[in-house]
N, C-alpha and C. Protein backbone atom coordinates (compact mmCIF):
# COMPACT_ATOMS: atom_id res chain seq x y z
N UNK A 1 0.78 -1.22 -0.01
CA UNK A 1 -0.04 0.04 -0.02
C UNK A 1 0.88 1.23 0.07
N UNK A 2 0.57 2.17 -0.86
CA UNK A 2 1.43 3.39 -1.07
C UNK A 2 1.29 4.27 0.20
N UNK A 3 2.22 5.17 0.41
CA UNK A 3 2.25 6.03 1.50
C UNK A 3 1.14 7.01 1.52
N UNK A 4 0.68 7.38 0.36
CA UNK A 4 -0.43 8.27 0.26
C UNK A 4 -1.64 7.70 0.88
N UNK A 5 -1.82 6.39 1.11
CA UNK A 5 -2.94 5.77 1.80
C UNK A 5 -2.79 5.68 3.30
N UNK A 6 -1.76 6.32 3.91
CA UNK A 6 -1.50 6.25 5.31
C UNK A 6 -1.60 7.60 6.03
N UNK A 7 -2.22 7.49 7.21
CA UNK A 7 -2.22 8.62 8.14
C UNK A 7 -0.91 8.58 8.87
N UNK A 8 0.00 9.47 8.75
CA UNK A 8 1.35 9.43 9.32
C UNK A 8 1.59 10.32 10.46
N UNK A 9 1.05 11.57 10.34
CA UNK A 9 1.39 12.60 11.26
C UNK A 9 0.68 12.55 12.57
N UNK A 10 1.30 12.95 13.73
CA UNK A 10 0.67 12.80 15.02
C UNK A 10 -0.52 13.70 15.07
N UNK A 11 -0.56 14.89 14.46
CA UNK A 11 -1.71 15.70 14.48
C UNK A 11 -3.00 15.07 13.76
N UNK A 12 -2.67 14.42 12.63
CA UNK A 12 -3.75 13.70 11.89
C UNK A 12 -4.26 12.54 12.74
N UNK A 13 -3.37 11.76 13.43
CA UNK A 13 -3.84 10.77 14.39
C UNK A 13 -4.75 11.25 15.49
N UNK A 14 -4.29 12.37 16.03
CA UNK A 14 -5.06 12.95 17.16
C UNK A 14 -6.43 13.52 16.73
N UNK A 15 -6.51 14.05 15.54
CA UNK A 15 -7.73 14.56 14.97
C UNK A 15 -8.79 13.42 14.82
N UNK A 16 -8.27 12.32 14.29
CA UNK A 16 -9.13 11.10 14.10
C UNK A 16 -9.65 10.61 15.48
N UNK A 17 -8.70 10.56 16.40
CA UNK A 17 -8.99 10.04 17.78
C UNK A 17 -10.08 10.96 18.41
N UNK A 18 -9.75 12.28 18.44
CA UNK A 18 -10.69 13.15 19.20
C UNK A 18 -12.01 13.40 18.51
N UNK A 19 -12.07 13.55 17.21
CA UNK A 19 -13.37 13.92 16.61
C UNK A 19 -14.00 12.65 15.84
N UNK A 20 -13.30 11.64 15.61
CA UNK A 20 -13.87 10.47 14.98
C UNK A 20 -14.70 9.63 15.84
N UNK A 21 -15.51 8.76 15.26
CA UNK A 21 -16.33 7.77 15.97
C UNK A 21 -15.60 6.54 16.04
N UNK A 22 -15.84 5.79 17.07
CA UNK A 22 -15.08 4.44 17.31
C UNK A 22 -16.07 3.34 17.28
N UNK A 23 -15.51 2.20 16.89
CA UNK A 23 -16.22 0.83 16.88
C UNK A 23 -15.19 -0.19 17.22
N UNK A 24 -15.59 -1.25 17.82
CA UNK A 24 -14.69 -2.31 18.24
C UNK A 24 -15.28 -3.62 18.26
N UNK A 25 -14.35 -4.69 18.24
CA UNK A 25 -14.70 -6.03 18.53
C UNK A 25 -13.61 -6.59 19.40
N UNK A 26 -13.48 -7.84 19.58
CA UNK A 26 -12.49 -8.42 20.48
C UNK A 26 -11.04 -8.12 20.16
N UNK A 27 -10.72 -7.91 18.88
CA UNK A 27 -9.39 -7.87 18.42
C UNK A 27 -8.91 -6.55 17.97
N UNK A 28 -9.88 -5.64 17.52
CA UNK A 28 -9.53 -4.40 16.94
C UNK A 28 -10.46 -3.20 17.40
N UNK A 29 -9.96 -1.97 17.44
CA UNK A 29 -10.72 -0.83 17.65
C UNK A 29 -10.52 0.00 16.40
N UNK A 30 -11.53 0.64 15.85
CA UNK A 30 -11.43 1.46 14.71
C UNK A 30 -11.99 2.85 15.01
N UNK A 31 -11.24 3.85 14.70
CA UNK A 31 -11.78 5.20 14.71
C UNK A 31 -11.92 5.76 13.33
N UNK A 32 -13.02 6.27 13.01
CA UNK A 32 -13.35 6.77 11.70
C UNK A 32 -13.67 8.33 11.71
N UNK A 33 -12.99 8.96 10.72
CA UNK A 33 -13.37 10.39 10.57
C UNK A 33 -13.53 10.63 9.03
N UNK A 34 -14.78 11.09 8.69
CA UNK A 34 -15.13 11.40 7.28
C UNK A 34 -14.29 12.67 6.77
N UNK A 35 -13.81 12.63 5.61
CA UNK A 35 -13.07 13.75 4.99
C UNK A 35 -13.58 13.95 3.65
N UNK A 36 -14.06 15.12 3.37
CA UNK A 36 -14.55 15.55 2.07
C UNK A 36 -13.47 15.66 1.04
N UNK A 37 -13.85 15.46 -0.24
CA UNK A 37 -13.03 15.69 -1.43
C UNK A 37 -11.60 14.97 -1.28
N UNK A 38 -11.64 13.80 -0.89
CA UNK A 38 -10.38 12.92 -0.80
C UNK A 38 -10.41 11.89 -1.90
N UNK A 39 -9.42 11.66 -2.69
CA UNK A 39 -9.51 10.64 -3.79
C UNK A 39 -9.55 9.25 -3.27
N UNK A 40 -8.96 8.93 -2.10
CA UNK A 40 -9.01 7.59 -1.62
C UNK A 40 -8.89 7.64 -0.04
N UNK A 41 -9.19 6.54 0.56
CA UNK A 41 -9.12 6.48 2.04
C UNK A 41 -7.66 6.47 2.49
N UNK A 42 -7.57 6.92 3.77
CA UNK A 42 -6.26 6.84 4.46
C UNK A 42 -6.36 5.98 5.70
N UNK A 43 -5.37 5.27 6.07
CA UNK A 43 -5.46 4.40 7.27
C UNK A 43 -4.19 4.61 8.07
N UNK A 44 -4.42 4.54 9.38
CA UNK A 44 -3.36 4.58 10.36
C UNK A 44 -3.37 3.33 11.18
N UNK A 45 -2.29 2.67 11.45
CA UNK A 45 -2.19 1.53 12.21
C UNK A 45 -1.44 1.71 13.48
N UNK A 46 -2.08 1.23 14.64
CA UNK A 46 -1.40 1.43 15.88
C UNK A 46 -1.38 -0.04 16.59
N UNK A 47 -0.20 -0.52 16.92
CA UNK A 47 0.06 -1.81 17.55
C UNK A 47 0.96 -1.50 18.74
N UNK A 48 0.27 -1.56 19.95
CA UNK A 48 1.04 -1.26 21.21
C UNK A 48 1.93 -2.39 21.72
N UNK A 49 2.82 -2.02 22.66
CA UNK A 49 3.74 -2.92 23.27
C UNK A 49 3.20 -4.15 23.94
N UNK A 50 1.89 -4.06 24.36
CA UNK A 50 1.27 -5.17 25.03
C UNK A 50 1.01 -6.36 24.06
N UNK A 51 1.02 -6.05 22.74
CA UNK A 51 0.94 -7.15 21.73
C UNK A 51 2.10 -8.06 21.66
N UNK A 52 3.27 -7.52 21.89
CA UNK A 52 4.53 -8.29 21.94
C UNK A 52 5.75 -7.49 21.51
N UNK A 53 6.79 -8.20 21.32
CA UNK A 53 8.16 -7.50 21.01
C UNK A 53 7.95 -6.93 19.53
N UNK A 54 9.03 -6.20 19.12
CA UNK A 54 8.95 -5.46 17.86
C UNK A 54 8.68 -6.50 16.68
N UNK A 55 9.27 -7.75 16.70
CA UNK A 55 9.04 -8.63 15.63
C UNK A 55 7.50 -8.99 15.47
N UNK A 56 6.92 -9.18 16.67
CA UNK A 56 5.47 -9.57 16.67
C UNK A 56 4.58 -8.42 16.27
N UNK A 57 4.92 -7.23 16.67
CA UNK A 57 4.11 -6.01 16.39
C UNK A 57 4.20 -5.80 14.82
N UNK A 58 5.49 -5.87 14.20
CA UNK A 58 5.61 -5.74 12.84
C UNK A 58 4.83 -6.77 12.08
N UNK A 59 4.77 -7.95 12.58
CA UNK A 59 4.10 -9.10 11.92
C UNK A 59 2.58 -8.72 11.85
N UNK A 60 2.10 -8.24 13.00
CA UNK A 60 0.70 -7.95 13.17
C UNK A 60 0.34 -6.74 12.13
N UNK A 61 1.19 -5.71 12.10
CA UNK A 61 0.98 -4.61 11.18
C UNK A 61 1.03 -5.09 9.69
N UNK A 62 1.85 -6.10 9.38
CA UNK A 62 1.95 -6.57 8.02
C UNK A 62 0.69 -7.33 7.68
N UNK A 63 0.11 -8.08 8.60
CA UNK A 63 -1.18 -8.77 8.37
C UNK A 63 -2.31 -7.77 8.27
N UNK A 64 -2.34 -6.69 8.97
CA UNK A 64 -3.33 -5.79 8.89
C UNK A 64 -3.33 -5.04 7.55
N UNK A 65 -2.09 -4.65 7.05
CA UNK A 65 -1.91 -3.94 5.80
C UNK A 65 -2.35 -4.88 4.64
N UNK A 66 -1.97 -6.20 4.76
CA UNK A 66 -2.35 -7.13 3.66
C UNK A 66 -3.94 -7.36 3.63
N UNK A 67 -4.59 -7.28 4.78
CA UNK A 67 -6.02 -7.44 4.82
C UNK A 67 -6.79 -6.19 4.22
N UNK A 68 -6.19 -5.07 4.62
CA UNK A 68 -6.69 -3.75 4.04
C UNK A 68 -6.54 -3.75 2.55
N UNK A 69 -5.33 -4.22 2.13
CA UNK A 69 -5.12 -4.24 0.71
C UNK A 69 -6.15 -5.06 -0.07
N UNK A 70 -6.49 -6.23 0.50
CA UNK A 70 -7.56 -7.01 -0.18
C UNK A 70 -8.92 -6.43 -0.06
N UNK A 71 -9.12 -5.60 0.98
CA UNK A 71 -10.53 -4.99 1.10
C UNK A 71 -10.58 -3.61 0.49
N UNK A 72 -9.50 -3.10 -0.14
CA UNK A 72 -9.49 -1.77 -0.67
C UNK A 72 -10.59 -1.27 -1.59
N UNK A 73 -11.08 -2.26 -2.36
CA UNK A 73 -12.18 -1.92 -3.27
C UNK A 73 -13.46 -1.66 -2.51
N UNK A 74 -13.70 -2.30 -1.40
CA UNK A 74 -14.90 -2.17 -0.59
C UNK A 74 -14.93 -1.01 0.32
N UNK A 75 -13.90 -0.31 0.62
CA UNK A 75 -13.74 0.73 1.53
C UNK A 75 -14.07 1.99 0.90
N UNK A 76 -14.95 2.83 1.58
CA UNK A 76 -15.35 4.09 1.17
C UNK A 76 -14.04 5.07 0.92
N UNK A 77 -14.01 5.94 -0.12
CA UNK A 77 -12.85 6.70 -0.31
C UNK A 77 -12.72 7.97 0.46
N UNK A 78 -13.82 8.51 1.00
CA UNK A 78 -13.73 9.75 1.76
C UNK A 78 -13.60 9.63 3.30
N UNK A 79 -12.78 8.66 3.71
CA UNK A 79 -12.55 8.43 5.12
C UNK A 79 -11.03 8.41 5.49
N UNK A 80 -10.75 8.84 6.74
CA UNK A 80 -9.56 8.58 7.47
C UNK A 80 -9.91 7.70 8.53
N UNK A 81 -9.16 6.53 8.73
CA UNK A 81 -9.51 5.75 9.90
C UNK A 81 -8.22 5.11 10.50
N UNK A 82 -8.31 4.79 11.78
CA UNK A 82 -7.13 4.36 12.60
C UNK A 82 -7.58 2.95 13.04
N UNK A 83 -6.75 1.98 12.79
CA UNK A 83 -6.96 0.69 13.41
C UNK A 83 -6.08 0.39 14.53
N UNK A 84 -6.65 0.03 15.67
CA UNK A 84 -5.72 -0.27 16.87
C UNK A 84 -5.99 -1.77 17.14
N UNK A 85 -4.75 -2.38 17.21
CA UNK A 85 -4.80 -3.82 17.51
C UNK A 85 -4.78 -4.02 18.99
N UNK A 86 -5.64 -4.99 19.46
CA UNK A 86 -5.56 -5.39 20.88
C UNK A 86 -4.59 -6.54 21.12
N UNK A 87 -4.13 -6.78 22.31
CA UNK A 87 -3.12 -7.84 22.50
C UNK A 87 -3.49 -9.20 21.94
N UNK A 88 -4.78 -9.60 21.96
CA UNK A 88 -5.22 -10.84 21.44
C UNK A 88 -4.87 -11.05 20.02
N UNK A 89 -4.60 -10.11 19.22
CA UNK A 89 -4.36 -10.22 17.75
C UNK A 89 -3.07 -11.05 17.51
N UNK A 90 -2.02 -11.05 18.43
CA UNK A 90 -0.86 -11.67 18.27
C UNK A 90 -0.92 -13.13 17.98
N UNK A 91 -2.01 -13.77 18.41
CA UNK A 91 -2.10 -15.26 18.24
C UNK A 91 -2.88 -15.56 17.00
N UNK A 92 -3.44 -14.58 16.21
CA UNK A 92 -4.27 -14.93 15.15
C UNK A 92 -3.52 -15.21 13.84
N UNK A 93 -4.07 -15.98 12.96
CA UNK A 93 -3.43 -16.23 11.68
C UNK A 93 -3.87 -15.07 10.72
N UNK A 94 -3.31 -14.99 9.57
CA UNK A 94 -3.64 -13.88 8.47
C UNK A 94 -5.10 -13.99 8.14
N UNK A 95 -5.69 -15.18 8.09
CA UNK A 95 -7.11 -15.33 7.61
C UNK A 95 -8.01 -14.83 8.72
N UNK A 96 -7.64 -15.08 10.02
CA UNK A 96 -8.45 -14.63 11.11
C UNK A 96 -8.29 -13.09 11.27
N UNK A 97 -7.15 -12.59 11.06
CA UNK A 97 -7.02 -11.06 11.05
C UNK A 97 -7.99 -10.48 10.04
N UNK A 98 -7.87 -11.08 8.88
CA UNK A 98 -8.73 -10.58 7.72
C UNK A 98 -10.22 -10.55 8.12
N UNK A 99 -10.81 -11.71 8.67
CA UNK A 99 -12.21 -11.76 8.99
C UNK A 99 -12.47 -10.80 10.09
N UNK A 100 -11.60 -10.77 11.19
CA UNK A 100 -11.95 -9.92 12.20
C UNK A 100 -11.95 -8.39 11.79
N UNK A 101 -10.98 -8.03 10.97
CA UNK A 101 -10.87 -6.72 10.49
C UNK A 101 -12.09 -6.34 9.63
N UNK A 102 -12.51 -7.28 8.78
CA UNK A 102 -13.64 -7.04 7.94
C UNK A 102 -14.88 -6.85 8.82
N UNK A 103 -14.99 -7.63 9.90
CA UNK A 103 -16.08 -7.53 10.70
C UNK A 103 -16.21 -6.12 11.45
N UNK A 104 -15.07 -5.64 11.94
CA UNK A 104 -15.07 -4.33 12.64
C UNK A 104 -15.26 -3.14 11.76
N UNK A 105 -14.76 -3.26 10.49
CA UNK A 105 -14.92 -2.29 9.47
C UNK A 105 -16.37 -2.18 9.07
N UNK A 106 -17.07 -3.28 9.05
CA UNK A 106 -18.54 -3.27 8.78
C UNK A 106 -19.27 -2.65 9.93
N UNK A 107 -18.84 -2.90 11.16
CA UNK A 107 -19.43 -2.28 12.28
C UNK A 107 -19.26 -0.77 12.28
N UNK A 108 -18.13 -0.32 11.82
CA UNK A 108 -17.73 1.09 11.84
C UNK A 108 -18.32 1.79 10.56
N UNK A 109 -19.02 1.02 9.72
CA UNK A 109 -19.60 1.56 8.40
C UNK A 109 -18.46 2.10 7.51
N UNK A 110 -17.36 1.46 7.39
CA UNK A 110 -16.24 1.85 6.65
C UNK A 110 -16.43 1.21 5.22
N UNK A 111 -17.09 0.08 5.15
CA UNK A 111 -17.28 -0.65 3.90
C UNK A 111 -18.42 -0.05 3.21
N UNK A 112 -18.40 -0.13 1.86
CA UNK A 112 -19.48 0.35 0.91
C UNK A 112 -20.73 -0.55 1.17
C-alpha cells in the first residue's frame, strides 16, 4: 500500500481520535473520521507494546496492511481511519485477522 494511503502525522492521528467515531470487536478498535474531497481512504495502524516484541508487532502490522489491501475496493474513499490492535491479535493467523478486521470495518460503516 502506497504512503499516500496512510495517516502518518501525529496531528492527523489525534484529530481522528478526538473527533472520529469508534467501533470495536474483541481484536480491533477502529476510529473513523469522514473527510470531504479525498481521492482515496487513508489508514493509520497502531499496535502497542502489549501485543508483543517488535518482531511480533511488525508481523501484526503486516497482516493488517495485507487485509486492508484485499479490502481496498470495498472501503469508502472519503474516510480517514485508525486501526488499533488489541493484545489478542498476536495469536491470530492472517485469515483470522482478515475476517476480524472485515467485521469491525462493517461495524464502523467503513465498507460500502
